[in-house]
Protein backbone atom coordinates (compact mmCIF):
# COMPACT_ATOMS: atom_id res chain seq x y z
CA MET A 1 0.08 -0.05 0.03
CA ASN A 2 1.00 3.61 -0.81
CA TYR A 3 -0.50 6.31 1.43
CA CYS A 4 -0.77 10.07 1.44
CA VAL A 5 -1.49 11.72 4.61
CA THR A 6 -2.79 15.36 4.76
CA GLY A 7 -4.55 17.58 7.11
CA LEU A 8 -8.14 18.62 6.27
CA GLN A 9 -8.28 21.79 8.44
CA TRP A 10 -5.90 24.63 9.08
CA GLY A 11 -3.04 22.50 10.17
CA ASP A 12 -2.03 21.07 13.53
CA GLU A 13 -4.39 18.14 13.12
CA GLY A 14 -2.05 15.58 14.39
CA LYS A 15 -0.60 14.25 11.06
CA GLY A 16 2.77 13.47 12.64
CA LYS A 17 1.25 10.81 14.93
CA VAL A 18 -0.77 9.28 11.96
CA VAL A 19 2.40 9.20 9.75
CA ASP A 20 4.39 7.47 12.54
CA ILE A 21 1.73 4.79 12.91
CA LEU A 22 1.52 4.06 9.15
CA ALA A 23 5.24 4.21 8.81
CA GLU A 24 5.30 0.97 10.67
CA LYS A 25 4.09 -0.82 7.47
CA THR A 26 5.74 1.39 4.82
CA ASP A 27 9.32 1.43 3.68
CA ILE A 28 9.65 5.10 2.73
CA VAL A 29 8.21 8.25 4.07
CA VAL A 30 8.25 11.38 1.79
CA ARG A 31 7.70 14.89 2.77
CA TYR A 32 6.59 16.85 -0.13
CA SER A 33 5.64 20.36 0.69
CA GLY A 34 6.17 23.33 3.14
CA GLY A 35 9.05 24.35 5.26
CA ALA A 36 10.03 24.94 8.80
CA ASN A 37 6.77 26.58 9.55
CA ALA A 38 5.21 23.08 9.85
CA GLY A 39 5.44 21.30 13.16
CA HIS A 40 4.85 17.53 13.46
CA THR A 41 4.73 15.92 16.87
CA VAL A 42 5.40 12.30 17.62
CA VAL A 43 5.26 10.93 21.13
CA ILE A 44 7.10 7.57 21.83
CA GLY A 45 6.69 6.44 25.41
CA ASP A 46 7.62 9.42 27.46
CA THR A 47 9.70 11.05 24.64
CA ARG A 48 8.24 13.82 22.53
CA PHE A 49 9.68 14.62 19.08
CA ALA A 50 8.94 17.98 17.51
CA LEU A 51 9.92 17.74 13.81
CA HIS A 52 9.68 20.83 11.44
CA LEU A 53 11.33 19.57 8.17
CA LEU A 54 12.41 15.89 8.54
CA PRO A 55 9.62 13.36 7.67
CA SER A 56 7.82 12.17 10.74
CA GLY A 57 8.99 8.62 9.86
CA SER A 58 12.49 9.78 10.94
CA VAL A 59 11.87 8.39 14.48
CA ARG A 60 11.63 4.84 13.10
CA ALA A 61 15.22 3.62 12.83
CA ASP A 62 14.48 1.39 9.73
CA THR A 63 12.36 3.90 7.74
CA ILE A 64 13.85 5.57 4.62
CA CYS A 65 13.08 9.28 4.78
CA VAL A 66 12.90 11.48 1.59
CA VAL A 67 12.57 15.48 1.48
CA GLY A 68 10.99 16.25 -1.93
CA ASN A 69 11.53 19.12 -4.29
CA GLY A 70 8.49 20.86 -3.09
CA VAL A 71 9.99 21.51 0.36
CA VAL A 72 11.82 24.84 1.02
CA LEU A 73 14.52 23.62 3.40
CA ASP A 74 16.10 25.48 6.08
CA PRO A 75 19.61 23.92 6.59
CA ALA A 76 20.18 25.20 10.00
CA GLY A 77 16.92 23.83 11.13
CA VAL A 78 17.50 20.38 9.70
CA ILE A 79 20.89 20.16 11.24
CA VAL A 80 19.28 20.81 14.71
CA GLU A 81 16.82 18.02 14.05
CA ILE A 82 19.42 15.60 12.99
CA GLU A 83 21.51 16.26 16.10
CA THR A 84 18.46 16.04 18.25
CA LEU A 85 17.62 12.59 16.87
CA LYS A 86 21.26 11.58 17.29
CA GLU A 87 21.04 12.48 20.94
CA LYS A 88 18.31 9.88 21.29
CA ASP A 89 20.44 7.30 19.46
CA ILE A 90 18.43 7.78 16.03
CA SER A 91 20.75 8.00 13.05
CA LEU A 92 19.78 9.17 9.63
CA ASP A 93 22.96 7.95 7.94
CA GLY A 94 22.20 6.08 4.82
CA ARG A 95 18.37 6.57 5.07
CA LEU A 96 17.93 10.32 4.49
CA PHE A 97 17.69 11.49 0.90
CA ILE A 98 17.07 15.23 0.05
CA SER A 99 16.02 16.42 -3.29
CA GLU A 100 18.65 18.25 -5.21
CA ASN A 101 15.88 20.51 -6.49
CA ALA A 102 14.52 21.56 -3.10
CA HIS A 103 15.07 25.33 -2.52
CA VAL A 104 16.96 26.68 0.23
CA VAL A 105 15.95 28.96 3.03
CA LEU A 106 18.73 31.42 4.02
CA ASP A 107 19.07 34.21 6.56
CA TYR A 108 17.96 36.87 4.11
CA HIS A 109 14.60 35.13 3.53
CA LYS A 110 13.80 35.19 7.31
CA ASP A 111 14.71 38.94 7.45
CA GLU A 112 12.48 39.53 4.47
CA ASP A 113 9.69 37.58 6.18
CA ARG A 114 9.91 39.68 9.38
CA LEU A 115 10.34 43.06 7.73
CA ARG A 116 7.43 42.46 5.44
CA GLU A 117 5.20 41.42 8.29
CA GLU A 118 6.28 44.38 10.61
CA SER A 119 5.58 46.81 7.62
CA LEU A 120 1.97 45.45 7.36
CA GLY A 121 1.03 46.40 10.85
CA LYS A 122 -2.54 45.41 11.83
CA ASN A 123 -2.93 43.78 8.33
CA LYS A 124 -0.29 41.22 8.72
CA ILE A 125 -0.95 37.74 7.48
CA GLY A 126 0.38 36.09 10.71
CA THR A 127 3.46 34.10 9.14
CA THR A 128 5.89 32.21 11.40
CA ASN A 129 8.88 34.51 10.18
CA ARG A 130 10.63 31.35 9.10
CA GLY A 131 11.43 32.70 5.60
CA ILE A 132 8.98 30.34 3.86
CA GLY A 133 7.09 32.74 1.70
CA PRO A 134 10.11 34.83 0.55
CA CYS A 135 11.81 31.57 -0.43
CA TYR A 136 8.92 30.38 -2.49
CA SER A 137 8.81 33.88 -4.06
CA ASP A 138 12.44 33.55 -5.20
CA LYS A 139 11.62 30.12 -6.50
CA ILE A 140 8.89 31.43 -8.51
CA GLY A 141 11.05 34.41 -9.49
CA ARG A 142 13.81 32.07 -10.47
CA SER A 143 16.75 34.71 -10.85
CA TYR A 144 17.59 34.72 -7.21
CA ALA A 145 17.02 31.11 -6.01
CA ILE A 146 19.40 28.78 -4.32
CA ARG A 147 18.71 25.10 -4.48
CA MET A 148 20.39 22.18 -2.59
CA ALA A 149 22.25 21.19 -5.83
CA ASP A 150 24.14 24.46 -5.53
CA PHE A 151 26.01 23.15 -2.47
CA ALA A 152 27.98 20.74 -4.90
CA ASP A 153 29.72 23.83 -6.52
CA LEU A 154 30.80 26.44 -4.01
CA ASP A 155 32.53 28.69 -6.44
CA ARG A 156 29.27 28.98 -8.39
CA LEU A 157 27.33 29.33 -5.26
CA LYS A 158 29.56 32.18 -4.05
CA GLU A 159 28.90 34.20 -7.33
CA LYS A 160 25.13 33.57 -7.10
CA LEU A 161 25.03 34.72 -3.38
CA ASN A 162 26.92 37.93 -4.25
CA LYS A 163 24.44 38.74 -6.91
CA ILE A 164 21.42 37.93 -4.70
CA VAL A 165 22.63 39.82 -1.67
CA VAL A 166 23.33 43.01 -3.75
CA TYR A 167 19.64 42.82 -4.90
CA LYS A 168 18.36 42.12 -1.39
CA ASN A 169 20.19 44.83 0.17
CA LYS A 170 18.77 47.36 -2.33
CA LEU A 171 15.38 45.99 -1.77
CA PHE A 172 15.55 46.11 2.14
CA ALA A 173 17.14 49.54 2.18
CA ALA A 174 14.45 51.01 -0.22
CA LEU A 175 11.43 49.39 1.39
CA TYR A 176 12.36 49.06 4.97
CA LYS A 177 15.44 51.16 5.68
CA ALA A 178 17.05 47.98 6.96
CA GLU A 179 20.82 47.47 7.74
CA PRO A 180 22.76 45.60 4.95
CA ILE A 181 23.41 41.91 5.15
CA SER A 182 26.78 40.28 4.31
CA ALA A 183 27.12 37.90 1.45
CA ASP A 184 30.36 36.51 2.94
CA GLU A 185 28.82 35.56 6.23
CA ILE A 186 26.00 33.78 4.37
CA PHE A 187 28.50 32.08 2.16
CA GLU A 188 30.59 30.79 5.13
CA LYS A 189 27.37 29.20 6.64
CA CYS A 190 26.63 27.56 3.22
CA LYS A 191 30.10 26.04 3.27
CA LYS A 192 29.39 24.37 6.60
CA TYR A 193 25.92 23.40 5.27
CA ALA A 194 27.46 21.66 2.16
CA GLU A 195 29.75 19.54 4.44
CA VAL A 196 26.57 18.31 6.16
CA PHE A 197 24.24 17.89 3.33
CA LEU A 198 26.22 16.63 0.31
CA PRO A 199 25.85 12.93 1.38
CA PHE A 200 22.05 13.26 1.57
CA ILE A 201 21.37 15.23 -1.73
CA THR A 202 20.22 13.14 -4.68
CA ASP A 203 17.69 13.12 -7.43
CA THR A 204 14.75 12.03 -5.29
CA SER A 205 12.36 11.69 -8.23
CA GLU A 206 14.55 8.96 -9.78
CA TYR A 207 14.98 7.34 -6.44
CA LEU A 208 11.20 7.28 -5.73
CA HIS A 209 10.33 5.91 -9.15
CA ASN A 210 13.02 3.05 -8.68
CA ALA A 211 11.45 2.27 -5.34
CA ILE A 212 7.98 1.99 -6.86
CA ASN A 213 9.39 -0.26 -9.57
CA ALA A 214 10.95 -2.38 -6.82
CA ASP A 215 7.47 -2.71 -5.11
CA LYS A 216 8.45 -0.67 -2.10
CA SER A 217 5.61 0.87 -0.11
CA LEU A 218 5.66 4.71 0.19
CA LEU A 219 3.93 7.17 2.59
CA PHE A 220 3.62 10.72 1.36
CA GLU A 221 3.51 13.19 4.14
CA GLY A 222 1.84 16.73 3.66
CA ALA A 223 2.49 19.77 5.82
CA GLN A 224 -0.02 22.26 7.37
CA GLY A 225 -3.73 21.57 6.16
CA ALA A 226 -5.83 21.78 3.10
CA LEU A 227 -7.52 25.14 4.23
CA LEU A 228 -4.08 26.71 4.15
CA ASP A 229 -3.52 25.57 0.42
CA LEU A 230 -2.25 28.55 -1.55
CA ASP A 231 -4.78 27.83 -4.39
CA HIS A 232 -7.70 26.34 -2.45
CA GLY A 233 -7.43 27.65 0.98
CA THR A 234 -8.73 30.80 2.75
CA PHE A 235 -6.47 33.24 0.62
CA PRO A 236 -4.61 35.43 1.46
CA PHE A 237 -4.42 33.77 4.97
CA VAL A 238 -2.76 30.72 3.66
CA THR A 239 0.64 29.13 3.46
CA SER A 240 2.95 29.67 0.44
CA SER A 241 2.59 26.08 -0.88
CA ASN A 242 0.04 23.67 -1.95
CA ALA A 243 -0.59 22.02 1.49
CA SER A 244 -3.49 19.75 0.34
CA SER A 245 -2.91 16.39 -1.27
CA LEU A 246 -3.01 18.25 -4.66
CA GLY A 247 0.56 19.29 -3.94
CA MET A 248 1.80 15.73 -3.64
CA PRO A 249 2.71 15.05 -7.27
CA ALA A 250 4.39 18.44 -7.98
CA GLY A 251 6.20 18.24 -4.62
CA CYS A 252 7.89 14.88 -5.27
CA GLY A 253 7.45 13.90 -8.83
CA VAL A 254 5.24 10.89 -8.24
CA PRO A 255 1.78 10.96 -9.89
CA ALA A 256 -1.35 10.59 -7.64
CA LYS A 257 -2.16 7.34 -9.33
CA PHE A 258 0.42 5.55 -7.53
CA VAL A 259 -1.38 6.39 -4.15
CA ASP A 260 -3.57 3.56 -3.01
CA GLU A 261 -5.28 5.53 -0.16
CA PHE A 262 -5.45 9.22 0.55
CA VAL A 263 -5.92 9.70 4.36
CA GLY A 264 -7.32 12.89 5.72
CA VAL A 265 -6.69 14.04 9.32
CA ILE A 266 -9.07 16.14 11.40
CA LYS A 267 -9.35 16.96 15.17
CA ALA A 268 -12.58 16.43 16.90
CA TYR A 269 -12.83 20.31 17.01
CA SER A 270 -11.18 23.09 14.86
CA THR A 271 -8.27 25.26 15.51
CA ARG A 272 -6.43 27.93 13.60
CA VAL A 273 -3.21 29.78 14.22
CA GLY A 274 -2.90 33.46 13.05
CA ALA A 275 -5.23 35.67 11.05
CA GLY A 276 -7.87 34.56 8.77
CA PRO A 277 -11.61 33.41 8.52
CA PHE A 278 -12.65 30.81 11.08
CA PRO A 279 -16.55 30.45 11.06
CA THR A 280 -16.87 28.12 14.00
CA GLU A 281 -14.52 30.02 16.25
CA GLN A 282 -15.49 30.15 20.04
CA ASN A 283 -13.78 33.21 21.44
CA ASN A 284 -15.22 32.52 24.78
CA GLU A 285 -15.16 30.04 27.61
CA ILE A 286 -15.76 27.07 25.32
CA GLY A 287 -12.79 28.02 23.16
CA ASP A 288 -10.62 28.48 26.22
CA THR A 289 -11.58 25.11 27.67
CA ILE A 290 -10.67 23.38 24.39
CA ARG A 291 -7.37 25.18 24.18
CA GLU A 292 -6.31 24.20 27.65
CA LYS A 293 -7.62 20.58 27.47
CA GLY A 294 -6.12 20.01 24.14
CA HIS A 295 -2.74 21.87 24.80
CA GLU A 296 -3.50 24.06 21.71
CA TYR A 297 -0.41 25.95 21.49
CA GLY A 298 1.82 25.88 18.27
CA THR A 299 4.60 23.25 17.84
CA THR A 300 6.64 25.70 15.82
CA THR A 301 5.83 29.08 17.37
CA GLY A 302 4.24 28.38 20.75
CA ARG A 303 1.42 30.78 19.88
CA PRO A 304 -2.04 29.97 21.46
CA ARG A 305 -4.36 28.48 18.83
CA ARG A 306 -7.78 29.93 18.10
CA CYS A 307 -10.37 27.09 19.02
CA GLY A 308 -13.94 26.27 18.02
CA TRP A 309 -16.38 23.68 17.19
CA LEU A 310 -15.86 21.03 14.48
CA ASP A 311 -16.59 22.45 11.04
CA THR A 312 -17.65 19.53 8.74
CA VAL A 313 -18.50 21.82 5.95
CA ALA A 314 -14.78 22.81 5.76
CA SER A 315 -13.50 19.38 6.23
CA ALA A 316 -15.96 17.90 3.69
CA TYR A 317 -14.62 20.50 1.20
CA SER A 318 -10.99 19.36 1.82
CA ILE A 319 -11.95 15.78 1.31
CA THR A 320 -13.63 16.52 -2.02
CA ILE A 321 -10.72 18.59 -3.54
CA GLY A 322 -8.28 16.18 -2.15
CA GLY A 323 -9.83 12.96 -3.24
CA ILE A 324 -9.57 11.66 0.31
CA ASP A 325 -10.54 8.02 0.81
CA SER A 326 -10.60 7.67 4.73
CA VAL A 327 -10.54 10.05 7.70
CA VAL A 328 -8.45 9.98 11.05
CA LEU A 329 -10.28 11.76 13.83
CA LEU A 330 -8.05 12.75 16.59
CA HIS A 331 -8.31 14.50 19.99
CA LEU A 332 -11.67 12.97 20.78
CA ASP A 333 -10.43 12.81 24.46
CA THR A 334 -10.18 16.57 24.64
CA LEU A 335 -14.06 16.77 24.51
CA SER A 336 -14.53 14.61 27.44
CA GLY A 337 -16.37 16.36 30.33
CA MET A 338 -18.33 18.80 28.06
CA ASP A 339 -22.14 18.64 28.63
CA GLU A 340 -23.07 19.28 24.94
CA LEU A 341 -21.12 19.44 21.69
CA LYS A 342 -21.80 21.31 18.43
CA VAL A 343 -20.91 20.35 14.87
CA CYS A 344 -21.30 22.73 12.09
CA LYS A 345 -23.24 20.90 9.27
CA ALA A 346 -23.96 23.85 6.87
CA TYR A 347 -23.45 27.57 6.21
CA LYS A 348 -26.02 30.27 5.51
CA ILE A 349 -24.65 32.97 3.31
CA ASP A 350 -27.13 35.82 2.48
CA GLY A 351 -29.97 33.71 3.74
CA LYS A 352 -29.15 30.66 1.53
CA GLU A 353 -27.96 27.47 3.06
CA THR A 354 -24.89 25.47 1.55
CA THR A 355 -22.80 22.64 2.55
CA PHE A 356 -19.93 23.61 0.07
CA PHE A 357 -17.11 25.57 1.68
CA PRO A 358 -16.59 28.93 -0.17
CA ALA A 359 -12.76 29.51 -0.35
CA ASN A 360 -13.31 33.16 -0.53
CA GLU A 361 -12.66 35.69 2.25
CA ALA A 362 -15.67 37.89 1.15
CA LYS A 363 -18.19 35.16 1.34
CA LEU A 364 -16.74 33.53 4.48
CA SER A 365 -17.09 36.95 6.24
CA LYS A 366 -20.86 36.51 5.71
CA VAL A 367 -21.18 32.94 7.07
CA GLU A 368 -23.68 31.96 9.64
CA CYS A 369 -23.10 28.48 10.96
CA VAL A 370 -25.85 25.88 11.12
CA TYR A 371 -25.19 23.61 14.01
CA ASP A 372 -26.27 20.04 15.17
CA THR A 373 -26.10 19.74 18.91
CA LEU A 374 -25.09 16.46 20.49
CA ALA A 375 -24.86 15.28 24.15
CA GLY A 376 -21.35 15.17 25.64
CA TRP A 377 -19.77 12.39 28.05
CA ASP A 378 -17.94 12.59 31.22
CA GLU A 379 -15.81 9.35 31.18
CA ASP A 380 -12.15 9.42 30.73
CA ILE A 381 -11.65 7.65 27.39
CA SER A 382 -7.75 7.82 27.15
CA ALA A 383 -7.33 4.06 27.84
CA VAL A 384 -10.15 2.70 25.57
CA GLU A 385 -8.93 0.18 23.05
CA LYS A 386 -12.10 -0.67 21.01
CA PHE A 387 -14.79 1.63 19.46
CA GLN A 388 -17.56 -0.18 21.16
CA ASP A 389 -15.96 0.45 24.49
CA LEU A 390 -16.22 4.21 24.13
CA PRO A 391 -19.15 6.02 25.91
CA ALA A 392 -22.37 5.81 23.88
CA ASN A 393 -22.28 9.47 23.20
CA ALA A 394 -18.73 9.50 22.10
CA GLN A 395 -19.67 6.79 19.66
CA LYS A 396 -22.64 8.85 18.43
CA TYR A 397 -20.29 11.91 17.99
CA VAL A 398 -17.90 9.90 15.71
CA GLU A 399 -20.90 8.50 13.90
CA ALA A 400 -22.43 11.82 13.37
CA VAL A 401 -19.01 13.38 11.99
CA GLU A 402 -18.61 10.41 9.67
CA LYS A 403 -22.12 10.85 8.18
CA LEU A 404 -21.45 14.60 7.65
CA VAL A 405 -18.06 14.30 6.16
CA GLY A 406 -19.14 11.36 3.94
CA LYS A 407 -16.08 9.08 4.40
CA PRO A 408 -15.23 6.28 6.90
CA ILE A 409 -13.44 7.22 10.06
CA LYS A 410 -10.88 4.41 10.37
CA MET A 411 -8.81 5.61 13.23
CA ILE A 412 -9.71 7.65 16.38
CA GLY A 413 -7.21 9.36 18.58
CA ILE A 414 -7.67 9.35 22.25
CA GLY A 415 -4.32 10.84 23.35
CA PRO A 416 -0.85 11.70 22.12
CA LYS A 417 0.94 8.24 22.44
CA ARG A 418 1.20 5.55 19.72
CA SER A 419 -0.89 3.31 21.82
CA GLN A 420 -3.66 5.85 22.18
CA MET A 421 -5.35 5.02 18.73
CA ILE A 422 -8.57 3.07 18.18
CA ILE A 423 -8.50 1.31 14.95
CA ARG A 424 -11.96 0.65 13.41
């Protein structure tokens, strides 16, 4: 089986845990989009791993890990992750492959991200200031882009950096009155990066197709969530890449037809980080309760997440555009102890009811949510092993969500650990 795992909300759904579990029965895990703005958490026993760029399968010592061409890679961040895994006796030697065509995030991208956000004031998008958007901008612009392959020719890389830094300094001085950056300092860092990464850099498209021909099983891992997709999300409050499953083929060079099952991940409620539309947001005691019980603070930024009721209109939209076959519902345990629960089943826009999510800021600003109200449960469900052993109201909640999203819920998360997953 080849799987593709993507988030169906605004990110932070718990994809890392799902990828880790599915990686047990796959040979290769492929990260195909995004950058260090993603945060994937895996908990093994009492050890918590927070990964931002390495595939979540990295924590399994015998899993091959591939970083595809669609990722914008921060070398400094990857080195930290590699060293962190080494400290836990997990080595990536011989099992990490990074696309030579992946673009590189450098210091001036982070500077540009920060300066641009500061200049927007109250209209800021809410980026993580990790340089992701500016790096993708350089990728699209082509003339000022650095890719992993450039580390193989340091003389040519130095020439390119000198040209880029002259341009960036003019840009930063004119727009932001910023201090100049040093091409030499950046090049010295790049020399160190080259020493680390040259053994890992390869043509990953060729590698993956050879693996497919050898009947290896692949697991494709998305970053963020479908509602943050650059083309299909809540633009402009989105990320800079195709975060839905639609980004998979372009992000690694493998056609979607090779995927046997597209798996979508949702939480039992909704969250969002930063600005942008959020129809079911509960900016009240309910939202505060969900945030504290669900530990809803960003893996990457530590920012408190906005919280609200589950929005199945939005999730069903992500399922539709992404060709999702099955769903994983996580954080069901967070809802324990609430007297009643609400699920958004439709929107009203200008008096008309719809169940198709409008990925348009103007329309979303007019949305009135139509809710179903369900009874809650008091029991602690964190140790339940079988679906039929969940409280009756918890079962009804899952079944109601399943009906509204139109796809089978095959796994249910009841805690952060590997063992806290009910398989249906």
